[in-house]
Amino acid sequence: MNEIESSDEKWELRKGDFLIGVLEVYYKSDYWLTANFTPIDKFEQYREAFRNGHFYNNNINTDNWSFEQRREQISEFGIHLIRLSDQAVSRKFILHIKDERADFRFYLT
């Protein structure tokens, strides 16, 4: 695991061209990143979905729920992540947001 004192790694959460929020990474493990999440006004329409875990576990038994199902849910919303340092886009990711904390795992496409 890798504790980060300060990081320039920032990601944007977007729906199409609309900014929904900004993630500033402060912790990395082998597969997961933890970030401070700053929502933008447009995030409000998705807050309940994140609160209910729709982008994380869809409120169903995760033992029977594949990554492909998670990816399809994200695709339906048209939401993606952009890493600002190199403009890399991830349309395949798992993201859990609670208050100002975001935990996520991404796959570059």
PDB file of N, CA and C in Angstrom:
ATOM      1  N   MET A   1       0.846  -1.182   0.000  1.00  0.00           N
ATOM      2  CA  MET A   1       0.000   0.000   0.000  1.00  0.00           C
ATOM      3  C   MET A   1       0.884   1.236   0.000  1.00  0.00           C
ATOM      4  N   ASN A   2       0.347   2.310  -0.506  1.00  0.00           N
ATOM      5  CA  ASN A   2       1.151   3.493  -0.710  1.00  0.00           C
ATOM      6  C   ASN A   2       0.400   4.731  -0.222  1.00  0.00           C
ATOM      7  N   GLU A   3       0.758   5.220   0.950  1.00  0.00           N
ATOM      8  CA  GLU A   3       0.163   6.450   1.486  1.00  0.00           C
ATOM      9  C   GLU A   3       0.773   7.623   0.729  1.00  0.00           C
ATOM     10  N   ILE A   4      -0.050   8.533   0.305  1.00  0.00           N
ATOM     11  CA  ILE A   4       0.416   9.682  -0.458  1.00  0.00           C
ATOM     12  C   ILE A   4       0.278  10.927   0.397  1.00  0.00           C
ATOM     13  N   GLU A   5       1.372  11.638   0.600  1.00  0.00           N
ATOM     14  CA  GLU A   5       1.308  12.865   1.404  1.00  0.00           C
ATOM     15  C   GLU A   5       0.599  13.964   0.626  1.00  0.00           C
ATOM     16  N   SER A   6       0.998  14.147  -0.604  1.00  0.00           N
ATOM     17  CA  SER A   6       0.299  15.081  -1.475  1.00  0.00           C
ATOM     18  C   SER A   6       0.368  14.505  -2.879  1.00  0.00           C
ATOM     19  N   SER A   7      -0.681  14.666  -3.603  1.00  0.00           N
ATOM     20  CA  SER A   7      -0.741  14.066  -4.930  1.00  0.00           C
ATOM     21  C   SER A   7      -1.275  15.079  -5.918  1.00  0.00           C
ATOM     22  N   ASP A   8      -0.683  15.036  -7.081  1.00  0.00           N
ATOM     23  CA  ASP A   8      -1.206  15.859  -8.165  1.00  0.00           C
ATOM     24  C   ASP A   8      -2.199  15.065  -9.001  1.00  0.00           C
ATOM     25  N   GLU A   9      -2.437  13.803  -8.599  1.00  0.00           N
ATOM     26  CA  GLU A   9      -3.328  12.967  -9.385  1.00  0.00           C
ATOM     27  C   GLU A   9      -4.778  13.375  -9.145  1.00  0.00           C
ATOM     28  N   LYS A  10      -5.379  13.873 -10.206  1.00  0.00           N
ATOM     29  CA  LYS A  10      -6.779  14.294 -10.153  1.00  0.00           C
ATOM     30  C   LYS A  10      -7.530  13.629 -11.291  1.00  0.00           C
ATOM     31  N   TRP A  11      -8.769  13.313 -11.010  1.00  0.00           N
ATOM     32  CA  TRP A  11      -9.670  12.719 -11.986  1.00  0.00           C
ATOM     33  C   TRP A  11     -10.944  13.558 -12.030  1.00  0.00           C
ATOM     34  N   GLU A  12     -11.572  13.580 -13.192  1.00  0.00           N
ATOM     35  CA  GLU A  12     -12.887  14.199 -13.313  1.00  0.00           C
ATOM     36  C   GLU A  12     -13.911  13.112 -13.570  1.00  0.00           C
ATOM     37  N   LEU A  13     -15.052  13.243 -12.925  1.00  0.00           N
ATOM     38  CA  LEU A  13     -16.196  12.378 -13.165  1.00  0.00           C
ATOM     39  C   LEU A  13     -17.108  13.169 -14.092  1.00  0.00           C
ATOM     40  N   ARG A  14     -17.395  12.605 -15.261  1.00  0.00           N
ATOM     41  CA  ARG A  14     -18.161  13.326 -16.270  1.00  0.00           C
ATOM     42  C   ARG A  14     -19.284  12.476 -16.833  1.00  0.00           C
ATOM     43  N   LYS A  15     -20.326  13.166 -17.246  1.00  0.00           N
ATOM     44  CA  LYS A  15     -21.391  12.561 -18.051  1.00  0.00           C
ATOM     45  C   LYS A  15     -21.372  13.320 -19.361  1.00  0.00           C
ATOM     46  N   GLY A  16     -20.940  12.645 -20.398  1.00  0.00           N
ATOM     47  CA  GLY A  16     -20.740  13.343 -21.662  1.00  0.00           C
ATOM     48  C   GLY A  16     -19.710  14.442 -21.455  1.00  0.00           C
ATOM     49  N   ASP A  17     -20.067  15.657 -21.827  1.00  0.00           N
ATOM     50  CA  ASP A  17     -19.161  16.790 -21.649  1.00  0.00           C
ATOM     51  C   ASP A  17     -19.356  17.511 -20.318  1.00  0.00           C
ATOM     52  N   PHE A  18     -20.331  17.060 -19.518  1.00  0.00           N
ATOM     53  CA  PHE A  18     -20.655  17.761 -18.281  1.00  0.00           C
ATOM     54  C   PHE A  18     -19.839  17.230 -17.107  1.00  0.00           C
ATOM     55  N   LEU A  19     -19.191  18.141 -16.409  1.00  0.00           N
ATOM     56  CA  LEU A  19     -18.443  17.802 -15.207  1.00  0.00           C
ATOM     57  C   LEU A  19     -19.423  17.526 -14.075  1.00  0.00           C
ATOM     58  N   ILE A  20     -19.235  16.392 -13.398  1.00  0.00           N
ATOM     59  CA  ILE A  20     -20.084  16.002 -12.276  1.00  0.00           C
ATOM     60  C   ILE A  20     -19.343  16.162 -10.957  1.00  0.00           C
ATOM     61  N   GLY A  21     -18.035  15.892 -10.975  1.00  0.00           N
ATOM     62  CA  GLY A  21     -17.249  16.011  -9.757  1.00  0.00           C
ATOM     63  C   GLY A  21     -15.767  15.827 -10.030  1.00  0.00           C
ATOM     64  N   VAL A  22     -14.967  16.145  -9.018  1.00  0.00           N
ATOM     65  CA  VAL A  22     -13.516  16.036  -9.112  1.00  0.00           C
ATOM     66  C   VAL A  22     -13.029  15.127  -7.987  1.00  0.00           C
ATOM     67  N   LEU A  23     -12.114  14.228  -8.325  1.00  0.00           N
ATOM     68  CA  LEU A  23     -11.525  13.315  -7.359  1.00  0.00           C
ATOM     69  C   LEU A  23     -10.041  13.635  -7.233  1.00  0.00           C
ATOM     70  N   GLU A  24      -9.585  13.936  -6.024  1.00  0.00           N
ATOM     71  CA  GLU A  24      -8.170  14.207  -5.756  1.00  0.00           C
ATOM     72  C   GLU A  24      -7.634  13.049  -4.921  1.00  0.00           C
ATOM     73  N   VAL A  25      -6.801  12.227  -5.545  1.00  0.00           N
ATOM     74  CA  VAL A  25      -6.309  10.995  -4.928  1.00  0.00           C
ATOM     75  C   VAL A  25      -5.373  11.313  -3.773  1.00  0.00           C
ATOM     76  N   TYR A  26      -5.595  10.623  -2.644  1.00  0.00           N
ATOM     77  CA  TYR A  26      -4.673  10.765  -1.519  1.00  0.00           C
ATOM     78  C   TYR A  26      -4.181   9.422  -0.988  1.00  0.00           C
ATOM     79  N   TYR A  27      -4.672   8.312  -1.526  1.00  0.00           N
ATOM     80  CA  TYR A  27      -4.227   6.998  -1.063  1.00  0.00           C
ATOM     81  C   TYR A  27      -4.352   6.001  -2.203  1.00  0.00           C
ATOM     82  N   LYS A  28      -3.328   5.144  -2.355  1.00  0.00           N
ATOM     83  CA  LYS A  28      -3.364   4.093  -3.365  1.00  0.00           C
ATOM     84  C   LYS A  28      -3.027   2.771  -2.710  1.00  0.00           C
ATOM     85  N   SER A  29      -3.786   1.742  -3.061  1.00  0.00           N
ATOM     86  CA  SER A  29      -3.420   0.380  -2.693  1.00  0.00           C
ATOM     87  C   SER A  29      -3.131  -0.350  -3.999  1.00  0.00           C
ATOM     88  N   ASP A  30      -3.038  -1.648  -3.950  1.00  0.00           N
ATOM     89  CA  ASP A  30      -2.715  -2.395  -5.170  1.00  0.00           C
ATOM     90  C   ASP A  30      -3.703  -2.155  -6.296  1.00  0.00           C
ATOM     91  N   TYR A  31      -4.990  -2.115  -5.960  1.00  0.00           N
ATOM     92  CA  TYR A  31      -6.008  -1.999  -6.998  1.00  0.00           C
ATOM     93  C   TYR A  31      -6.944  -0.813  -6.822  1.00  0.00           C
ATOM     94  N   TRP A  32      -6.978  -0.220  -5.652  1.00  0.00           N
ATOM     95  CA  TRP A  32      -7.952   0.820  -5.343  1.00  0.00           C
ATOM     96  C   TRP A  32      -7.282   2.144  -5.074  1.00  0.00           C
ATOM     97  N   LEU A  33      -7.982   3.221  -5.407  1.00  0.00           N
ATOM     98  CA  LEU A  33      -7.547   4.569  -5.076  1.00  0.00           C
ATOM     99  C   LEU A  33      -8.608   5.185  -4.170  1.00  0.00           C
ATOM    100  N   THR A  34      -8.163   6.007  -3.244  1.00  0.00           N
ATOM    101  CA  THR A  34      -9.067   6.747  -2.380  1.00  0.00           C
ATOM    102  C   THR A  34      -8.812   8.222  -2.628  1.00  0.00           C
ATOM    103  N   ALA A  35      -9.887   8.981  -2.732  1.00  0.00           N
ATOM    104  CA  ALA A  35      -9.763  10.387  -3.114  1.00  0.00           C
ATOM    105  C   ALA A  35     -10.752  11.244  -2.347  1.00  0.00           C
ATOM    106  N   ASN A  36     -10.409  12.517  -2.237  1.00  0.00           N
ATOM    107  CA  ASN A  36     -11.386  13.508  -1.786  1.00  0.00           C
ATOM    108  C   ASN A  36     -12.279  13.790  -2.982  1.00  0.00           C
ATOM    109  N   PHE A  37     -13.591  13.787  -2.750  1.00  0.00           N
ATOM    110  CA  PHE A  37     -14.537  14.024  -3.829  1.00  0.00           C
ATOM    111  C   PHE A  37     -15.199  15.372  -3.650  1.00  0.00           C
ATOM    112  N   THR A  38     -15.125  16.184  -4.700  1.00  0.00           N
ATOM    113  CA  THR A  38     -15.784  17.483  -4.710  1.00  0.00           C
ATOM    114  C   THR A  38     -16.883  17.441  -5.773  1.00  0.00           C
ATOM    115  N   PRO A  39     -18.143  17.401  -5.350  1.00  0.00           N
ATOM    116  CA  PRO A  39     -19.236  17.340  -6.330  1.00  0.00           C
ATOM    117  C   PRO A  39     -19.476  18.701  -6.976  1.00  0.00           C
ATOM    118  N   ILE A  40     -19.962  18.658  -8.189  1.00  0.00           N
ATOM    119  CA  ILE A  40     -20.406  19.846  -8.910  1.00  0.00           C
ATOM    120  C   ILE A  40     -21.939  19.765  -8.925  1.00  0.00           C
ATOM    121  N   ASP A  41     -22.614  20.880  -9.127  1.00  0.00           N
ATOM    122  CA  ASP A  41     -24.082  20.914  -9.076  1.00  0.00           C
ATOM    123  C   ASP A  41     -24.738  19.764  -9.833  1.00  0.00           C
ATOM    124  N   LYS A  42     -24.204  19.407 -10.986  1.00  0.00           N
ATOM    125  CA  LYS A  42     -24.801  18.353 -11.806  1.00  0.00           C
ATOM    126  C   LYS A  42     -24.762  16.992 -11.114  1.00  0.00           C
ATOM    127  N   PHE A  43     -23.929  16.840 -10.078  1.00  0.00           N
ATOM    128  CA  PHE A  43     -23.838  15.576  -9.356  1.00  0.00           C
ATOM    129  C   PHE A  43     -25.126  15.258  -8.599  1.00  0.00           C
ATOM    130  N   GLU A  44     -25.856  16.283  -8.198  1.00  0.00           N
ATOM    131  CA  GLU A  44     -27.046  16.074  -7.357  1.00  0.00           C
ATOM    132  C   GLU A  44     -28.028  15.067  -7.955  1.00  0.00           C
ATOM    133  N   GLN A  45     -28.196  15.065  -9.259  1.00  0.00           N
ATOM    134  CA  GLN A  45     -29.147  14.140  -9.867  1.00  0.00           C
ATOM    135  C   GLN A  45     -28.679  12.686  -9.796  1.00  0.00           C
ATOM    136  N   TYR A  46     -27.384  12.466  -9.479  1.00  0.00           N
ATOM    137  CA  TYR A  46     -26.842  11.107  -9.365  1.00  0.00           C
ATOM    138  C   TYR A  46     -26.525  10.722  -7.925  1.00  0.00           C
ATOM    139  N   ARG A  47     -26.619  11.671  -7.008  1.00  0.00           N
ATOM    140  CA  ARG A  47     -26.226  11.428  -5.613  1.00  0.00           C
ATOM    141  C   ARG A  47     -26.922  10.200  -5.034  1.00  0.00           C
ATOM    142  N   GLU A  48     -28.211  10.068  -5.277  1.00  0.00           N
ATOM    143  CA  GLU A  48     -28.958   8.944  -4.703  1.00  0.00           C
ATOM    144  C   GLU A  48     -28.457   7.610  -5.251  1.00  0.00           C
ATOM    145  N   ALA A  49     -28.119   7.578  -6.529  1.00  0.00           N
ATOM    146  CA  ALA A  49     -27.591   6.342  -7.111  1.00  0.00           C
ATOM    147  C   ALA A  49     -26.285   5.950  -6.441  1.00  0.00           C
ATOM    148  N   PHE A  50     -25.414   6.915  -6.191  1.00  0.00           N
ATOM    149  CA  PHE A  50     -24.158   6.617  -5.508  1.00  0.00           C
ATOM    150  C   PHE A  50     -24.424   6.252  -4.054  1.00  0.00           C
ATOM    151  N   ARG A  51     -25.334   6.963  -3.413  1.00  0.00           N
ATOM    152  CA  ARG A  51     -25.661   6.681  -2.016  1.00  0.00           C
ATOM    153  C   ARG A  51     -26.202   5.268  -1.867  1.00  0.00           C
ATOM    154  N   ASN A  52     -27.001   4.838  -2.825  1.00  0.00           N
ATOM    155  CA  ASN A  52     -27.562   3.492  -2.794  1.00  0.00           C
ATOM    156  C   ASN A  52     -26.586   2.439  -3.292  1.00  0.00           C
ATOM    157  N   GLY A  53     -25.416   2.865  -3.697  1.00  0.00           N
ATOM    158  CA  GLY A  53     -24.397   1.930  -4.130  1.00  0.00           C
ATOM    159  C   GLY A  53     -24.570   1.430  -5.549  1.00  0.00           C
ATOM    160  N   HIS A  54     -25.340   2.122  -6.366  1.00  0.00           N
ATOM    161  CA  HIS A  54     -25.582   1.633  -7.721  1.00  0.00           C
ATOM    162  C   HIS A  54     -24.318   1.500  -8.550  1.00  0.00           C
ATOM    163  N   PHE A  55     -23.312   2.269  -8.242  1.00  0.00           N
ATOM    164  CA  PHE A  55     -22.079   2.161  -9.008  1.00  0.00           C
ATOM    165  C   PHE A  55     -21.070   1.265  -8.295  1.00  0.00           C
ATOM    166  N   TYR A  56     -21.507   0.652  -7.220  1.00  0.00           N
ATOM    167  CA  TYR A  56     -20.605  -0.193  -6.450  1.00  0.00           C
ATOM    168  C   TYR A  56     -21.151  -1.606  -6.311  1.00  0.00           C
ATOM    169  N   ASN A  57     -22.362  -1.745  -5.782  1.00  0.00           N
ATOM    170  CA  ASN A  57     -22.888  -3.097  -5.609  1.00  0.00           C
ATOM    171  C   ASN A  57     -24.346  -3.248  -6.036  1.00  0.00           C
ATOM    172  N   ASN A  58     -24.939  -2.197  -6.541  1.00  0.00           N
ATOM    173  CA  ASN A  58     -26.303  -2.244  -7.083  1.00  0.00           C
ATOM    174  C   ASN A  58     -27.336  -2.795  -6.099  1.00  0.00           C
ATOM    175  N   ASN A  59     -26.989  -2.764  -4.806  1.00  0.00           N
ATOM    176  CA  ASN A  59     -27.894  -3.231  -3.752  1.00  0.00           C
ATOM    177  C   ASN A  59     -28.339  -4.682  -3.929  1.00  0.00           C
ATOM    178  N   ILE A  60     -27.518  -5.479  -4.579  1.00  0.00           N
ATOM    179  CA  ILE A  60     -27.811  -6.901  -4.696  1.00  0.00           C
ATOM    180  C   ILE A  60     -26.596  -7.694  -4.254  1.00  0.00           C
ATOM    181  N   ASN A  61     -26.750  -8.976  -4.118  1.00  0.00           N
ATOM    182  CA  ASN A  61     -25.674  -9.847  -3.673  1.00  0.00           C
ATOM    183  C   ASN A  61     -24.491  -9.750  -4.637  1.00  0.00           C
ATOM    184  N   THR A  62     -23.380  -9.191  -4.168  1.00  0.00           N
ATOM    185  CA  THR A  62     -22.232  -8.984  -5.044  1.00  0.00           C
ATOM    186  C   THR A  62     -21.558 -10.298  -5.415  1.00  0.00           C
ATOM    187  N   ASP A  63     -21.828 -11.381  -4.680  1.00  0.00           N
ATOM    188  CA  ASP A  63     -21.242 -12.667  -5.038  1.00  0.00           C
ATOM    189  C   ASP A  63     -21.761 -13.145  -6.390  1.00  0.00           C
ATOM    190  N   ASN A  64     -22.962 -12.707  -6.746  1.00  0.00           N
ATOM    191  CA  ASN A  64     -23.571 -13.130  -8.008  1.00  0.00           C
ATOM    192  C   ASN A  64     -23.618 -11.994  -9.027  1.00  0.00           C
ATOM    193  N   TRP A  65     -22.847 -10.967  -8.794  1.00  0.00           N
ATOM    194  CA  TRP A  65     -22.910  -9.792  -9.656  1.00  0.00           C
ATOM    195  C   TRP A  65     -21.547  -9.551 -10.269  1.00  0.00           C
ATOM    196  N   SER A  66     -21.445  -9.621 -11.558  1.00  0.00           N
ATOM    197  CA  SER A  66     -20.162  -9.548 -12.246  1.00  0.00           C
ATOM    198  C   SER A  66     -19.736  -8.105 -12.517  1.00  0.00           C
ATOM    199  N   PHE A  67     -18.444  -7.967 -12.793  1.00  0.00           N
ATOM    200  CA  PHE A  67     -17.935  -6.661 -13.191  1.00  0.00           C
ATOM    201  C   PHE A  67     -18.645  -6.189 -14.448  1.00  0.00           C
ATOM    202  N   GLU A  68     -18.983  -7.112 -15.327  1.00  0.00           N
ATOM    203  CA  GLU A  68     -19.674  -6.747 -16.571  1.00  0.00           C
ATOM    204  C   GLU A  68     -21.010  -6.066 -16.265  1.00  0.00           C
ATOM    205  N   GLN A  69     -21.736  -6.545 -15.264  1.00  0.00           N
ATOM    206  CA  GLN A  69     -22.993  -5.906 -14.884  1.00  0.00           C
ATOM    207  C   GLN A  69     -22.731  -4.505 -14.337  1.00  0.00           C
ATOM    208  N   ARG A  70     -21.672  -4.344 -13.561  1.00  0.00           N
ATOM    209  CA  ARG A  70     -21.321  -3.011 -13.056  1.00  0.00           C
ATOM    210  C   ARG A  70     -21.017  -2.075 -14.218  1.00  0.00           C
ATOM    211  N   ARG A  71     -20.227  -2.567 -15.169  1.00  0.00           N
ATOM    212  CA  ARG A  71     -19.841  -1.754 -16.316  1.00  0.00           C
ATOM    213  C   ARG A  71     -21.068  -1.343 -17.131  1.00  0.00           C
ATOM    214  N   GLU A  72     -22.007  -2.268 -17.312  1.00  0.00           N
ATOM    215  CA  GLU A  72     -23.220  -1.951 -18.057  1.00  0.00           C
ATOM    216  C   GLU A  72     -24.018  -0.852 -17.367  1.00  0.00           C
ATOM    217  N   GLN A  73     -24.098  -0.904 -16.044  1.00  0.00           N
ATOM    218  CA  GLN A  73     -24.818   0.140 -15.309  1.00  0.00           C
ATOM    219  C   GLN A  73     -24.170   1.503 -15.556  1.00  0.00           C
ATOM    220  N   ILE A  74     -22.844   1.548 -15.481  1.00  0.00           N
ATOM    221  CA  ILE A  74     -22.119   2.794 -15.698  1.00  0.00           C
ATOM    222  C   ILE A  74     -22.357   3.284 -17.120  1.00  0.00           C
ATOM    223  N   SER A  75     -22.315   2.371 -18.095  1.00  0.00           N
ATOM    224  CA  SER A  75     -22.545   2.743 -19.494  1.00  0.00           C
ATOM    225  C   SER A  75     -23.932   3.327 -19.694  1.00  0.00           C
ATOM    226  N   GLU A  76     -24.932   2.760 -19.026  1.00  0.00           N
ATOM    227  CA  GLU A  76     -26.301   3.265 -19.158  1.00  0.00           C
ATOM    228  C   GLU A  76     -26.388   4.724 -18.734  1.00  0.00           C
ATOM    229  N   PHE A  77     -25.657   5.091 -17.701  1.00  0.00           N
ATOM    230  CA  PHE A  77     -25.661   6.478 -17.240  1.00  0.00           C
ATOM    231  C   PHE A  77     -24.777   7.359 -18.113  1.00  0.00           C
ATOM    232  N   GLY A  78     -23.884   6.774 -18.900  1.00  0.00           N
ATOM    233  CA  GLY A  78     -22.985   7.548 -19.743  1.00  0.00           C
ATOM    234  C   GLY A  78     -21.932   8.292 -18.953  1.00  0.00           C
ATOM    235  N   ILE A  79     -21.558   7.741 -17.796  1.00  0.00           N
ATOM    236  CA  ILE A  79     -20.581   8.394 -16.925  1.00  0.00           C
ATOM    237  C   ILE A  79     -19.207   7.791 -17.163  1.00  0.00           C
ATOM    238  N   HIS A  80     -18.179   8.639 -17.141  1.00  0.00           N
ATOM    239  CA  HIS A  80     -16.817   8.165 -17.297  1.00  0.00           C
ATOM    240  C   HIS A  80     -15.866   8.996 -16.435  1.00  0.00           C
ATOM    241  N   LEU A  81     -14.666   8.473 -16.256  1.00  0.00           N
ATOM    242  CA  LEU A  81     -13.612   9.160 -15.514  1.00  0.00           C
ATOM    243  C   LEU A  81     -12.531   9.604 -16.488  1.00  0.00           C
ATOM    244  N   ILE A  82     -11.946  10.768 -16.213  1.00  0.00           N
ATOM    245  CA  ILE A  82     -10.813  11.253 -17.000  1.00  0.00           C
ATOM    246  C   ILE A  82      -9.689  11.597 -16.038  1.00  0.00           C
ATOM    247  N   ARG A  83      -8.512  10.986 -16.259  1.00  0.00           N
ATOM    248  CA  ARG A  83      -7.334  11.328 -15.471  1.00  0.00           C
ATOM    249  C   ARG A  83      -6.739  12.586 -16.083  1.00  0.00           C
ATOM    250  N   LEU A  84      -6.634  13.645 -15.315  1.00  0.00           N
ATOM    251  CA  LEU A  84      -6.250  14.939 -15.862  1.00  0.00           C
ATOM    252  C   LEU A  84      -4.801  15.000 -16.320  1.00  0.00           C
ATOM    253  N   SER A  85      -3.912  14.235 -15.708  1.00  0.00           N
ATOM    254  CA  SER A  85      -2.497  14.319 -16.066  1.00  0.00           C
ATOM    255  C   SER A  85      -2.224  13.926 -17.510  1.00  0.00           C
ATOM    256  N   ASP A  86      -2.984  12.973 -18.036  1.00  0.00           N
ATOM    257  CA  ASP A  86      -2.740  12.522 -19.404  1.00  0.00           C
ATOM    258  C   ASP A  86      -4.013  12.385 -20.241  1.00  0.00           C
ATOM    259  N   GLN A  87      -5.144  12.814 -19.688  1.00  0.00           N
ATOM    260  CA  GLN A  87      -6.442  12.770 -20.360  1.00  0.00           C
ATOM    261  C   GLN A  87      -6.897  11.340 -20.667  1.00  0.00           C
ATOM    262  N   ALA A  88      -6.364  10.357 -19.929  1.00  0.00           N
ATOM    263  CA  ALA A  88      -6.796   8.965 -20.100  1.00  0.00           C
ATOM    264  C   ALA A  88      -8.249   8.840 -19.665  1.00  0.00           C
ATOM    265  N   VAL A  89      -9.029   8.085 -20.426  1.00  0.00           N
ATOM    266  CA  VAL A  89     -10.454   7.928 -20.163  1.00  0.00           C
ATOM    267  C   VAL A  89     -10.725   6.508 -19.674  1.00  0.00           C
ATOM    268  N   SER A  90     -11.533   6.410 -18.630  1.00  0.00           N
ATOM    269  CA  SER A  90     -11.974   5.107 -18.136  1.00  0.00           C
ATOM    270  C   SER A  90     -13.494   5.067 -18.162  1.00  0.00           C
ATOM    271  N   ARG A  91     -14.016   4.154 -18.952  1.00  0.00           N
ATOM    272  CA  ARG A  91     -15.459   3.921 -18.980  1.00  0.00           C
ATOM    273  C   ARG A  91     -15.806   2.655 -18.192  1.00  0.00           C
ATOM    274  N   LYS A  92     -14.766   1.924 -17.805  1.00  0.00           N
ATOM    275  CA  LYS A  92     -14.930   0.730 -16.978  1.00  0.00           C
ATOM    276  C   LYS A  92     -14.329   1.034 -15.618  1.00  0.00           C
ATOM    277  N   PHE A  93     -15.171   1.180 -14.627  1.00  0.00           N
ATOM    278  CA  PHE A  93     -14.666   1.478 -13.289  1.00  0.00           C
ATOM    279  C   PHE A  93     -15.694   1.086 -12.248  1.00  0.00           C
ATOM    280  N   ILE A  94     -15.217   0.979 -11.032  1.00  0.00           N
ATOM    281  CA  ILE A  94     -16.081   0.786  -9.878  1.00  0.00           C
ATOM    282  C   ILE A  94     -15.846   2.001  -8.998  1.00  0.00           C
ATOM    283  N   LEU A  95     -16.895   2.652  -8.565  1.00  0.00           N
ATOM    284  CA  LEU A  95     -16.762   3.896  -7.811  1.00  0.00           C
ATOM    285  C   LEU A  95     -17.786   3.918  -6.691  1.00  0.00           C
ATOM    286  N   HIS A  96     -17.309   4.168  -5.496  1.00  0.00           N
ATOM    287  CA  HIS A  96     -18.191   4.306  -4.341  1.00  0.00           C
ATOM    288  C   HIS A  96     -17.932   5.672  -3.738  1.00  0.00           C
ATOM    289  N   ILE A  97     -18.965   6.467  -3.598  1.00  0.00           N
ATOM    290  CA  ILE A  97     -18.834   7.813  -3.024  1.00  0.00           C
ATOM    291  C   ILE A  97     -19.684   7.882  -1.772  1.00  0.00           C
ATOM    292  N   LYS A  98     -19.060   8.307  -0.702  1.00  0.00           N
ATOM    293  CA  LYS A  98     -19.796   8.559   0.535  1.00  0.00           C
ATOM    294  C   LYS A  98     -19.303   9.887   1.080  1.00  0.00           C
ATOM    295  N   ASP A  99     -20.200  10.855   1.115  1.00  0.00           N
ATOM    296  CA  ASP A  99     -19.880  12.211   1.557  1.00  0.00           C
ATOM    297  C   ASP A  99     -18.736  12.756   0.710  1.00  0.00           C
ATOM    298  N   GLU A 100     -17.597  13.066   1.326  1.00  0.00           N
ATOM    299  CA  GLU A 100     -16.476  13.661   0.583  1.00  0.00           C
ATOM    300  C   GLU A 100     -15.394  12.649   0.236  1.00  0.00           C
ATOM    301  N   ARG A 101     -15.685  11.369   0.449  1.00  0.00           N
ATOM    302  CA  ARG A 101     -14.695  10.324   0.167  1.00  0.00           C
ATOM    303  C   ARG A 101     -15.146   9.474  -1.016  1.00  0.00           C
ATOM    304  N   ALA A 102     -14.198   9.176  -1.891  1.00  0.00           N
ATOM    305  CA  ALA A 102     -14.464   8.305  -3.032  1.00  0.00           C
ATOM    306  C   ALA A 102     -13.424   7.199  -3.055  1.00  0.00           C
ATOM    307  N   ASP A 103     -13.880   5.978  -3.217  1.00  0.00           N
ATOM    308  CA  ASP A 103     -13.007   4.833  -3.425  1.00  0.00           C
ATOM    309  C   ASP A 103     -13.300   4.319  -4.820  1.00  0.00           C
ATOM    310  N   PHE A 104     -12.247   4.115  -5.612  1.00  0.00           N
ATOM    311  CA  PHE A 104     -12.510   3.660  -6.965  1.00  0.00           C
ATOM    312  C   PHE A 104     -11.381   2.808  -7.524  1.00  0.00           C
ATOM    313  N   ARG A 105     -11.776   2.056  -8.534  1.00  0.00           N
ATOM    314  CA  ARG A 105     -10.874   1.199  -9.299  1.00  0.00           C
ATOM    315  C   ARG A 105     -11.227   1.454 -10.750  1.00  0.00           C
ATOM    316  N   PHE A 106     -10.240   1.603 -11.580  1.00  0.00           N
ATOM    317  CA  PHE A 106     -10.519   1.958 -12.969  1.00  0.00           C
ATOM    318  C   PHE A 106      -9.781   1.024 -13.920  1.00  0.00           C
ATOM    319  N   TYR A 107     -10.276   0.973 -15.139  1.00  0.00           N
ATOM    320  CA  TYR A 107      -9.661   0.244 -16.223  1.00  0.00           C
ATOM    321  C   TYR A 107      -9.650   1.172 -17.425  1.00  0.00           C
ATOM    322  N   LEU A 108      -8.495   1.352 -18.021  1.00  0.00           N
ATOM    323  CA  LEU A 108      -8.394   2.272 -19.155  1.00  0.00           C
ATOM    324  C   LEU A 108      -8.855   1.557 -20.417  1.00  0.00           C
ATOM    325  N   THR A 109      -9.583   2.326 -21.245  1.00  0.00           N
ATOM    326  CA  THR A 109     -10.110   1.757 -22.491  1.00  0.00           C
ATOM    327  C   THR A 109      -9.348   2.292 -23.673  1.00  0.00           C
TER     328      THR A 109
END
